[in-house]
């Protein structure tokens, strides 16, 4: 998984899982400047309520 994939998945579903949040925090030391900016944007979107912390329902 990459931060870009995670970000796009959260944007398309409006949800980020606890496991994905854990992955972000575990890998943030290795982020490039661009990835840091993406992580900050993701955090702002969570703060604004645009992305919810929860679980995704599997698609049929």
PDB file of N, CA and C in Angstrom:
ATOM      1  N   UNK A   1       0.848  -1.170   0.000  1.00  0.00           N
ATOM      2  CA  UNK A   1       0.000   0.000   0.000  1.00  0.00           C
ATOM      3  C   UNK A   1       0.896   1.236   0.000  1.00  0.00           C
ATOM      4  N   UNK A   2       0.453   2.254  -0.718  1.00  0.00           N
ATOM      5  CA  UNK A   2       1.157   3.527  -0.696  1.00  0.00           C
ATOM      6  C   UNK A   2       0.204   4.583  -0.155  1.00  0.00           C
ATOM      7  N   UNK A   3       0.754   5.699   0.252  1.00  0.00           N
ATOM      8  CA  UNK A   3      -0.084   6.780   0.764  1.00  0.00           C
ATOM      9  C   UNK A   3      -1.017   7.289  -0.324  1.00  0.00           C
ATOM     10  N   UNK A   4      -0.539   7.342  -1.563  1.00  0.00           N
ATOM     11  CA  UNK A   4      -1.378   7.792  -2.666  1.00  0.00           C
ATOM     12  C   UNK A   4      -2.590   6.892  -2.857  1.00  0.00           C
ATOM     13  N   UNK A   5      -2.373   5.577  -2.808  1.00  0.00           N
ATOM     14  CA  UNK A   5      -3.483   4.629  -2.929  1.00  0.00           C
ATOM     15  C   UNK A   5      -4.465   4.786  -1.776  1.00  0.00           C
ATOM     16  N   UNK A   6      -3.936   4.923  -0.585  1.00  0.00           N
ATOM     17  CA  UNK A   6      -4.777   5.097   0.594  1.00  0.00           C
ATOM     18  C   UNK A   6      -5.602   6.375   0.480  1.00  0.00           C
ATOM     19  N   UNK A   7      -4.954   7.455   0.061  1.00  0.00           N
ATOM     20  CA  UNK A   7      -5.638   8.740  -0.078  1.00  0.00           C
ATOM     21  C   UNK A   7      -6.760   8.658  -1.110  1.00  0.00           C
ATOM     22  N   UNK A   8      -6.478   8.064  -2.260  1.00  0.00           N
ATOM     23  CA  UNK A   8      -7.497   7.948  -3.297  1.00  0.00           C
ATOM     24  C   UNK A   8      -8.664   7.081  -2.842  1.00  0.00           C
ATOM     25  N   UNK A   9      -8.367   6.013  -2.111  1.00  0.00           N
ATOM     26  CA  UNK A   9      -9.429   5.159  -1.580  1.00  0.00           C
ATOM     27  C   UNK A   9     -10.297   5.895  -0.573  1.00  0.00           C
ATOM     28  N   UNK A  10      -9.671   6.681   0.280  1.00  0.00           N
ATOM     29  CA  UNK A  10     -10.428   7.459   1.270  1.00  0.00           C
ATOM     30  C   UNK A  10     -11.259   8.539   0.590  1.00  0.00           C
ATOM     31  N   UNK A  11     -10.701   9.155  -0.448  1.00  0.00           N
ATOM     32  CA  UNK A  11     -11.441  10.183  -1.187  1.00  0.00           C
ATOM     33  C   UNK A  11     -12.661   9.585  -1.892  1.00  0.00           C
ATOM     34  N   UNK A  12     -12.496   8.437  -2.500  1.00  0.00           N
ATOM     35  CA  UNK A  12     -13.599   7.855  -3.274  1.00  0.00           C
ATOM     36  C   UNK A  12     -14.700   7.290  -2.381  1.00  0.00           C
ATOM     37  N   UNK A  13     -14.318   6.764  -1.208  1.00  0.00           N
ATOM     38  CA  UNK A  13     -15.329   6.162  -0.331  1.00  0.00           C
ATOM     39  C   UNK A  13     -15.799   7.111   0.774  1.00  0.00           C
ATOM     40  N   UNK A  14     -14.978   8.110   1.098  1.00  0.00           N
ATOM     41  CA  UNK A  14     -15.312   9.007   2.200  1.00  0.00           C
ATOM     42  C   UNK A  14     -15.020   8.413   3.563  1.00  0.00           C
ATOM     43  N   UNK A  15     -14.275   7.287   3.556  1.00  0.00           N
ATOM     44  CA  UNK A  15     -13.989   6.570   4.800  1.00  0.00           C
ATOM     45  C   UNK A  15     -12.516   6.183   4.833  1.00  0.00           C
ATOM     46  N   UNK A  16     -11.920   6.285   6.019  1.00  0.00           N
ATOM     47  CA  UNK A  16     -10.588   5.743   6.256  1.00  0.00           C
ATOM     48  C   UNK A  16     -10.702   4.823   7.468  1.00  0.00           C
ATOM     49  N   UNK A  17     -10.092   3.665   7.387  1.00  0.00           N
ATOM     50  CA  UNK A  17     -10.218   2.687   8.460  1.00  0.00           C
ATOM     51  C   UNK A  17      -9.160   2.922   9.543  1.00  0.00           C
ATOM     52  N   UNK A  18      -9.393   2.329  10.687  1.00  0.00           N
ATOM     53  CA  UNK A  18      -8.427   2.421  11.788  1.00  0.00           C
ATOM     54  C   UNK A  18      -7.083   1.828  11.365  1.00  0.00           C
ATOM     55  N   UNK A  19      -7.130   0.714  10.638  1.00  0.00           N
ATOM     56  CA  UNK A  19      -5.902   0.085  10.161  1.00  0.00           C
ATOM     57  C   UNK A  19      -5.122   0.981   9.212  1.00  0.00           C
ATOM     58  N   UNK A  20      -5.836   1.699   8.357  1.00  0.00           N
ATOM     59  CA  UNK A  20      -5.170   2.623   7.437  1.00  0.00           C
ATOM     60  C   UNK A  20      -4.556   3.794   8.191  1.00  0.00           C
ATOM     61  N   UNK A  21      -5.255   4.295   9.200  1.00  0.00           N
ATOM     62  CA  UNK A  21      -4.689   5.375  10.020  1.00  0.00           C
ATOM     63  C   UNK A  21      -3.429   4.893  10.740  1.00  0.00           C
ATOM     64  N   UNK A  22      -3.464   3.666  11.218  1.00  0.00           N
ATOM     65  CA  UNK A  22      -2.285   3.091  11.874  1.00  0.00           C
ATOM     66  C   UNK A  22      -1.134   2.988  10.890  1.00  0.00           C
ATOM     67  N   UNK A  23      -1.427   2.576   9.652  1.00  0.00           N
ATOM     68  CA  UNK A  23      -0.385   2.466   8.630  1.00  0.00           C
ATOM     69  C   UNK A  23       0.253   3.836   8.384  1.00  0.00           C
ATOM     70  N   UNK A  24      -0.571   4.878   8.280  1.00  0.00           N
ATOM     71  CA  UNK A  24      -0.047   6.238   8.040  1.00  0.00           C
ATOM     72  C   UNK A  24       0.898   6.634   9.176  1.00  0.00           C
ATOM     73  N   UNK A  25       0.468   6.438  10.411  1.00  0.00           N
ATOM     74  CA  UNK A  25       1.318   6.860  11.531  1.00  0.00           C
ATOM     75  C   UNK A  25       2.584   6.015  11.634  1.00  0.00           C
ATOM     76  N   UNK A  26       2.496   4.730  11.302  1.00  0.00           N
ATOM     77  CA  UNK A  26       3.677   3.862  11.356  1.00  0.00           C
ATOM     78  C   UNK A  26       4.710   4.196  10.283  1.00  0.00           C
ATOM     79  N   UNK A  27       4.283   4.761   9.149  1.00  0.00           N
ATOM     80  CA  UNK A  27       5.180   5.010   8.030  1.00  0.00           C
ATOM     81  C   UNK A  27       5.526   6.482   7.807  1.00  0.00           C
ATOM     82  N   UNK A  28       5.010   7.366   8.635  1.00  0.00           N
ATOM     83  CA  UNK A  28       5.198   8.793   8.374  1.00  0.00           C
ATOM     84  C   UNK A  28       6.656   9.246   8.421  1.00  0.00           C
ATOM     85  N   UNK A  29       7.509   8.538   9.131  1.00  0.00           N
ATOM     86  CA  UNK A  29       8.926   8.913   9.176  1.00  0.00           C
ATOM     87  C   UNK A  29       9.604   8.780   7.815  1.00  0.00           C
ATOM     88  N   UNK A  30       9.081   7.911   6.952  1.00  0.00           N
ATOM     89  CA  UNK A  30       9.687   7.690   5.654  1.00  0.00           C
ATOM     90  C   UNK A  30       9.025   8.460   4.515  1.00  0.00           C
ATOM     91  N   UNK A  31       8.063   9.323   4.831  1.00  0.00           N
ATOM     92  CA  UNK A  31       7.350  10.058   3.782  1.00  0.00           C
ATOM     93  C   UNK A  31       8.230  11.123   3.144  1.00  0.00           C
ATOM     94  N   UNK A  32       8.061  11.275   1.837  1.00  0.00           N
ATOM     95  CA  UNK A  32       8.707  12.382   1.128  1.00  0.00           C
ATOM     96  C   UNK A  32       7.931  13.659   1.449  1.00  0.00           C
ATOM     97  N   UNK A  33       8.431  14.789   0.983  1.00  0.00           N
ATOM     98  CA  UNK A  33       7.725  16.062   1.225  1.00  0.00           C
ATOM     99  C   UNK A  33       6.336  16.044   0.607  1.00  0.00           C
ATOM    100  N   UNK A  34       6.227  15.456  -0.559  1.00  0.00           N
ATOM    101  CA  UNK A  34       4.929  15.373  -1.227  1.00  0.00           C
ATOM    102  C   UNK A  34       3.970  14.507  -0.420  1.00  0.00           C
ATOM    103  N   UNK A  35       4.463  13.372   0.061  1.00  0.00           N
ATOM    104  CA  UNK A  35       3.627  12.488   0.880  1.00  0.00           C
ATOM    105  C   UNK A  35       3.230  13.161   2.186  1.00  0.00           C
ATOM    106  N   UNK A  36       4.117  13.949   2.770  1.00  0.00           N
ATOM    107  CA  UNK A  36       3.769  14.691   3.989  1.00  0.00           C
ATOM    108  C   UNK A  36       2.618  15.653   3.716  1.00  0.00           C
ATOM    109  N   UNK A  37       2.655  16.310   2.566  1.00  0.00           N
ATOM    110  CA  UNK A  37       1.580  17.230   2.200  1.00  0.00           C
ATOM    111  C   UNK A  37       0.262  16.476   2.020  1.00  0.00           C
ATOM    112  N   UNK A  38       0.331  15.293   1.418  1.00  0.00           N
ATOM    113  CA  UNK A  38      -0.874  14.475   1.235  1.00  0.00           C
ATOM    114  C   UNK A  38      -1.423  14.045   2.595  1.00  0.00           C
ATOM    115  N   UNK A  39      -0.549  13.635   3.496  1.00  0.00           N
ATOM    116  CA  UNK A  39      -0.979  13.221   4.835  1.00  0.00           C
ATOM    117  C   UNK A  39      -1.619  14.390   5.585  1.00  0.00           C
ATOM    118  N   UNK A  40      -1.065  15.580   5.433  1.00  0.00           N
ATOM    119  CA  UNK A  40      -1.657  16.753   6.075  1.00  0.00           C
ATOM    120  C   UNK A  40      -3.035  17.056   5.497  1.00  0.00           C
ATOM    121  N   UNK A  41      -3.159  16.933   4.176  1.00  0.00           N
ATOM    122  CA  UNK A  41      -4.471  17.168   3.549  1.00  0.00           C
ATOM    123  C   UNK A  41      -5.484  16.135   4.030  1.00  0.00           C
ATOM    124  N   UNK A  42      -5.053  14.899   4.139  1.00  0.00           N
ATOM    125  CA  UNK A  42      -5.922  13.843   4.632  1.00  0.00           C
ATOM    126  C   UNK A  42      -6.389  14.164   6.056  1.00  0.00           C
ATOM    127  N   UNK A  43      -5.465  14.612   6.888  1.00  0.00           N
ATOM    128  CA  UNK A  43      -5.813  14.995   8.261  1.00  0.00           C
ATOM    129  C   UNK A  43      -6.811  16.137   8.305  1.00  0.00           C
ATOM    130  N   UNK A  44      -6.617  17.144   7.452  1.00  0.00           N
ATOM    131  CA  UNK A  44      -7.563  18.266   7.402  1.00  0.00           C
ATOM    132  C   UNK A  44      -8.952  17.804   6.969  1.00  0.00           C
ATOM    133  N   UNK A  45      -8.994  16.896   6.008  1.00  0.00           N
ATOM    134  CA  UNK A  45     -10.283  16.394   5.537  1.00  0.00           C
ATOM    135  C   UNK A  45     -10.996  15.583   6.619  1.00  0.00           C
ATOM    136  N   UNK A  46     -10.244  14.860   7.419  1.00  0.00           N
ATOM    137  CA  UNK A  46     -10.824  14.130   8.553  1.00  0.00           C
ATOM    138  C   UNK A  46     -11.348  15.138   9.575  1.00  0.00           C
ATOM    139  N   UNK A  47     -10.554  16.160   9.874  1.00  0.00           N
ATOM    140  CA  UNK A  47     -10.981  17.200  10.822  1.00  0.00           C
ATOM    141  C   UNK A  47     -12.248  17.910  10.366  1.00  0.00           C
ATOM    142  N   UNK A  48     -12.381  18.139   9.057  1.00  0.00           N
ATOM    143  CA  UNK A  48     -13.544  18.832   8.498  1.00  0.00           C
ATOM    144  C   UNK A  48     -14.763  17.921   8.373  1.00  0.00           C
ATOM    145  N   UNK A  49     -14.565  16.625   8.511  1.00  0.00           N
ATOM    146  CA  UNK A  49     -15.669  15.689   8.373  1.00  0.00           C
ATOM    147  C   UNK A  49     -15.908  15.215   6.953  1.00  0.00           C
ATOM    148  N   UNK A  50     -15.026  15.590   6.025  1.00  0.00           N
ATOM    149  CA  UNK A  50     -15.156  15.133   4.641  1.00  0.00           C
ATOM    150  C   UNK A  50     -14.843  13.651   4.513  1.00  0.00           C
ATOM    151  N   UNK A  51     -13.957  13.169   5.369  1.00  0.00           N
ATOM    152  CA  UNK A  51     -13.614  11.749   5.432  1.00  0.00           C
ATOM    153  C   UNK A  51     -13.873  11.288   6.859  1.00  0.00           C
ATOM    154  N   UNK A  52     -14.596  10.179   6.969  1.00  0.00           N
ATOM    155  CA  UNK A  52     -14.978   9.637   8.270  1.00  0.00           C
ATOM    156  C   UNK A  52     -14.072   8.470   8.650  1.00  0.00           C
ATOM    157  N   UNK A  53     -13.837   8.322   9.947  1.00  0.00           N
ATOM    158  CA  UNK A  53     -13.116   7.164  10.459  1.00  0.00           C
ATOM    159  C   UNK A  53     -14.134   6.057  10.651  1.00  0.00           C
ATOM    160  N   UNK A  54     -13.919   4.925  10.015  1.00  0.00           N
ATOM    161  CA  UNK A  54     -14.883   3.828  10.129  1.00  0.00           C
ATOM    162  C   UNK A  54     -14.467   2.631   9.327  1.00  0.00           C
ATOM    163  N   UNK A  55     -15.453   1.938   8.785  1.00  0.00           N
ATOM    164  CA  UNK A  55     -15.168   0.760   7.963  1.00  0.00           C
ATOM    165  C   UNK A  55     -15.924   0.865   6.651  1.00  0.00           C
ATOM    166  N   UNK A  56     -15.368   0.258   5.642  1.00  0.00           N
ATOM    167  CA  UNK A  56     -16.005   0.241   4.330  1.00  0.00           C
ATOM    168  C   UNK A  56     -16.805  -1.038   4.175  1.00  0.00           C
ATOM    169  N   UNK A  57     -17.966  -0.908   3.603  1.00  0.00           N
ATOM    170  CA  UNK A  57     -18.781  -2.088   3.288  1.00  0.00           C
ATOM    171  C   UNK A  57     -18.273  -2.653   1.963  1.00  0.00           C
ATOM    172  N   UNK A  58     -18.107  -3.963   1.891  1.00  0.00           N
ATOM    173  CA  UNK A  58     -17.641  -4.547   0.624  1.00  0.00           C
ATOM    174  C   UNK A  58     -18.673  -4.332  -0.471  1.00  0.00           C
ATOM    175  N   UNK A  59     -18.193  -4.087  -1.678  1.00  0.00           N
ATOM    176  CA  UNK A  59     -19.111  -3.902  -2.805  1.00  0.00           C
ATOM    177  C   UNK A  59     -19.556  -5.271  -3.305  1.00  0.00           C
ATOM    178  N   UNK A  60     -20.740  -5.321  -3.876  1.00  0.00           N
ATOM    179  CA  UNK A  60     -21.295  -6.599  -4.339  1.00  0.00           C
ATOM    180  C   UNK A  60     -20.794  -6.962  -5.689  1.00  0.00           C
TER     181      UNK A  60
END
